[in-house]
Amino acid sequence: MMEASSVVGDARRWYRVAAISNVIVSLPAFVAYDRAVALLADEKPRYPFLVHIWAGMALLWALMFREISRDPIGRYPMVKYSWLEKMVTSGAVIVAYRRHEVPSRLMVSIVVTDIVWIPIFLVFQLRLRSVAKEH
């Protein structure tokens, strides 16, 4: 079994990276909307406020990931929501992609920003669970 300090240290680092990743992905929607949308879609959305809602939610998740990174054991109950959020987002985009409602480059971005994080967050939930039980 891994040493508790190693598990906690790894969780701190990975959740900090996740927070930074979410900030990097979401900020362009606020500061360079047209450019951000052009990178992911063939045409501008008919309802730009939905892009801002998505970006705002991504920023909120970045704050949650940062909170977890500061105290992975104390915030352990929040860890399950990290992979659940990524699954919900991924699932919604996969369905839209299969219906030809979103372009391939948006699907690729979801693979990088969401799908790859699901197993990482699941692993940390399992690793942190054993450490949390000891505390």
Protein backbone atom coordinates (compact mmCIF):
# COMPACT_ATOMS: atom_id res chain seq x y z
CA MET A 1 0.00 0.00 0.00
CA MET A 2 1.21 3.52 -0.81
CA GLU A 3 2.32 5.79 1.96
CA ALA A 4 -0.38 8.31 2.94
CA SER A 5 1.87 11.33 2.41
CA SER A 6 2.64 10.17 -1.13
CA VAL A 7 -1.06 9.75 -1.97
CA VAL A 8 -1.93 13.15 -0.53
CA GLY A 9 1.03 14.82 -2.27
CA ASP A 10 0.07 13.29 -5.60
CA ALA A 11 -3.56 14.36 -5.14
CA ARG A 12 -2.48 17.90 -4.31
CA ARG A 13 -0.43 18.13 -7.49
CA TRP A 14 -2.99 16.55 -9.82
CA TYR A 15 -5.90 18.57 -8.50
CA ARG A 16 -3.81 21.75 -8.78
CA VAL A 17 -3.10 20.89 -12.44
CA ALA A 18 -6.82 20.22 -12.98
CA ALA A 19 -7.67 23.63 -11.52
CA ILE A 20 -5.16 25.37 -13.77
CA SER A 21 -6.41 23.40 -16.78
CA ASN A 22 -10.01 24.45 -16.16
CA VAL A 23 -9.00 28.11 -15.81
CA ILE A 24 -6.99 27.98 -19.05
CA VAL A 25 -9.88 26.38 -20.92
CA SER A 26 -12.61 28.65 -19.61
CA LEU A 27 -11.07 32.14 -19.46
CA PRO A 28 -10.92 32.65 -23.24
CA ALA A 29 -14.73 32.54 -23.41
CA PHE A 30 -14.76 35.71 -21.30
CA VAL A 31 -11.75 37.60 -22.64
CA ALA A 32 -11.66 36.54 -26.31
CA TYR A 33 -15.09 35.09 -27.02
CA ASP A 34 -15.01 35.20 -30.84
CA ARG A 35 -11.55 33.65 -31.02
CA ALA A 36 -12.39 30.96 -28.43
CA VAL A 37 -15.57 29.97 -30.24
CA ALA A 38 -13.80 29.91 -33.62
CA LEU A 39 -11.31 27.37 -32.26
CA LEU A 40 -14.04 24.89 -31.36
CA ALA A 41 -17.00 25.51 -33.65
CA ASP A 42 -17.70 26.09 -37.32
CA GLU A 43 -20.23 28.80 -36.58
CA LYS A 44 -21.01 31.05 -33.65
CA PRO A 45 -23.54 29.64 -31.21
CA ARG A 46 -27.02 31.14 -31.50
CA TYR A 47 -27.05 31.62 -27.74
CA PRO A 48 -23.68 33.01 -26.61
CA PHE A 49 -24.82 33.17 -23.00
CA LEU A 50 -24.72 29.36 -22.93
CA VAL A 51 -21.01 29.48 -23.70
CA HIS A 52 -20.58 31.93 -20.84
CA ILE A 53 -22.59 29.68 -18.52
CA TRP A 54 -20.38 26.72 -19.48
CA ALA A 55 -17.22 28.78 -18.99
CA GLY A 56 -18.50 30.04 -15.64
CA MET A 57 -19.23 26.52 -14.48
CA ALA A 58 -15.75 25.42 -15.60
CA LEU A 59 -14.28 28.24 -13.51
CA LEU A 60 -16.33 27.13 -10.51
CA TRP A 61 -15.04 23.57 -10.96
CA ALA A 62 -11.51 25.01 -11.11
CA LEU A 63 -12.14 26.54 -7.70
CA MET A 64 -13.37 23.21 -6.39
CA PHE A 65 -10.31 21.40 -7.77
CA ARG A 66 -8.13 24.04 -6.11
CA GLU A 67 -10.00 23.51 -2.84
CA ILE A 68 -9.42 19.75 -3.04
CA SER A 69 -5.73 20.32 -3.83
CA ARG A 70 -5.30 22.31 -0.63
CA ASP A 71 -6.62 19.51 1.62
CA PRO A 72 -7.34 16.24 -0.24
CA ILE A 73 -8.24 14.35 2.97
CA GLY A 74 -10.41 17.08 4.46
CA ARG A 75 -12.12 17.60 1.10
CA TYR A 76 -12.34 13.89 0.30
CA PRO A 77 -16.18 13.94 0.16
CA MET A 78 -15.91 16.38 -2.78
CA VAL A 79 -13.59 14.13 -4.81
CA LYS A 80 -16.40 12.00 -6.26
CA TYR A 81 -17.92 15.09 -7.85
CA SER A 82 -14.77 15.73 -9.85
CA TRP A 83 -15.09 12.59 -11.95
CA LEU A 84 -18.89 12.80 -12.01
CA GLU A 85 -18.72 16.33 -13.46
CA LYS A 86 -16.30 15.18 -16.13
CA MET A 87 -18.57 12.22 -16.98
CA VAL A 88 -21.66 14.42 -17.32
CA THR A 89 -19.88 16.90 -19.57
CA SER A 90 -18.27 14.14 -21.64
CA GLY A 91 -21.51 12.22 -21.97
CA ALA A 92 -23.44 15.27 -23.14
CA VAL A 93 -20.83 16.15 -25.75
CA ILE A 94 -20.47 12.55 -26.96
CA VAL A 95 -24.24 12.36 -27.51
CA ALA A 96 -24.20 15.71 -29.35
CA TYR A 97 -21.23 14.59 -31.44
CA ARG A 98 -22.93 11.34 -32.44
CA ARG A 99 -25.96 13.39 -33.50
CA HIS A 100 -23.67 15.62 -35.59
CA GLU A 101 -24.52 18.61 -33.42
CA VAL A 102 -20.91 19.53 -32.58
CA PRO A 103 -17.77 19.54 -34.73
CA SER A 104 -14.93 17.07 -34.33
CA ARG A 105 -12.57 19.66 -32.87
CA LEU A 106 -14.97 20.27 -29.99
CA MET A 107 -15.09 16.51 -29.38
CA VAL A 108 -11.27 16.39 -29.39
CA SER A 109 -11.15 19.23 -26.87
CA ILE A 110 -13.51 17.30 -24.56
CA VAL A 111 -11.24 14.27 -24.78
CA VAL A 112 -8.32 16.41 -23.59
CA THR A 113 -10.15 18.55 -21.02
CA ASP A 114 -12.61 16.03 -19.59
CA ILE A 115 -12.37 12.39 -20.66
CA VAL A 116 -8.68 11.97 -19.79
CA TRP A 117 -9.39 13.27 -16.27
CA ILE A 118 -12.09 10.71 -15.44
CA PRO A 119 -9.71 7.79 -14.69
CA ILE A 120 -7.28 10.09 -12.90
CA PHE A 121 -10.01 11.36 -10.57
CA LEU A 122 -11.41 7.85 -10.06
CA VAL A 123 -7.98 6.58 -9.07
CA PHE A 124 -7.60 9.39 -6.56
CA GLN A 125 -10.99 8.66 -5.09
CA LEU A 126 -9.90 5.07 -4.47
CA ARG A 127 -6.42 5.99 -3.22
CA LEU A 128 -7.66 8.76 -0.95
CA ARG A 129 -10.46 6.59 0.45
CA SER A 130 -8.00 4.26 2.14
CA VAL A 131 -6.05 7.21 3.54
CA ALA A 132 -9.22 8.99 4.69
CA LYS A 133 -10.34 5.87 6.59
CA GLU A 134 -7.14 6.01 8.61
CA HIS A 135 -7.81 9.60 9.72
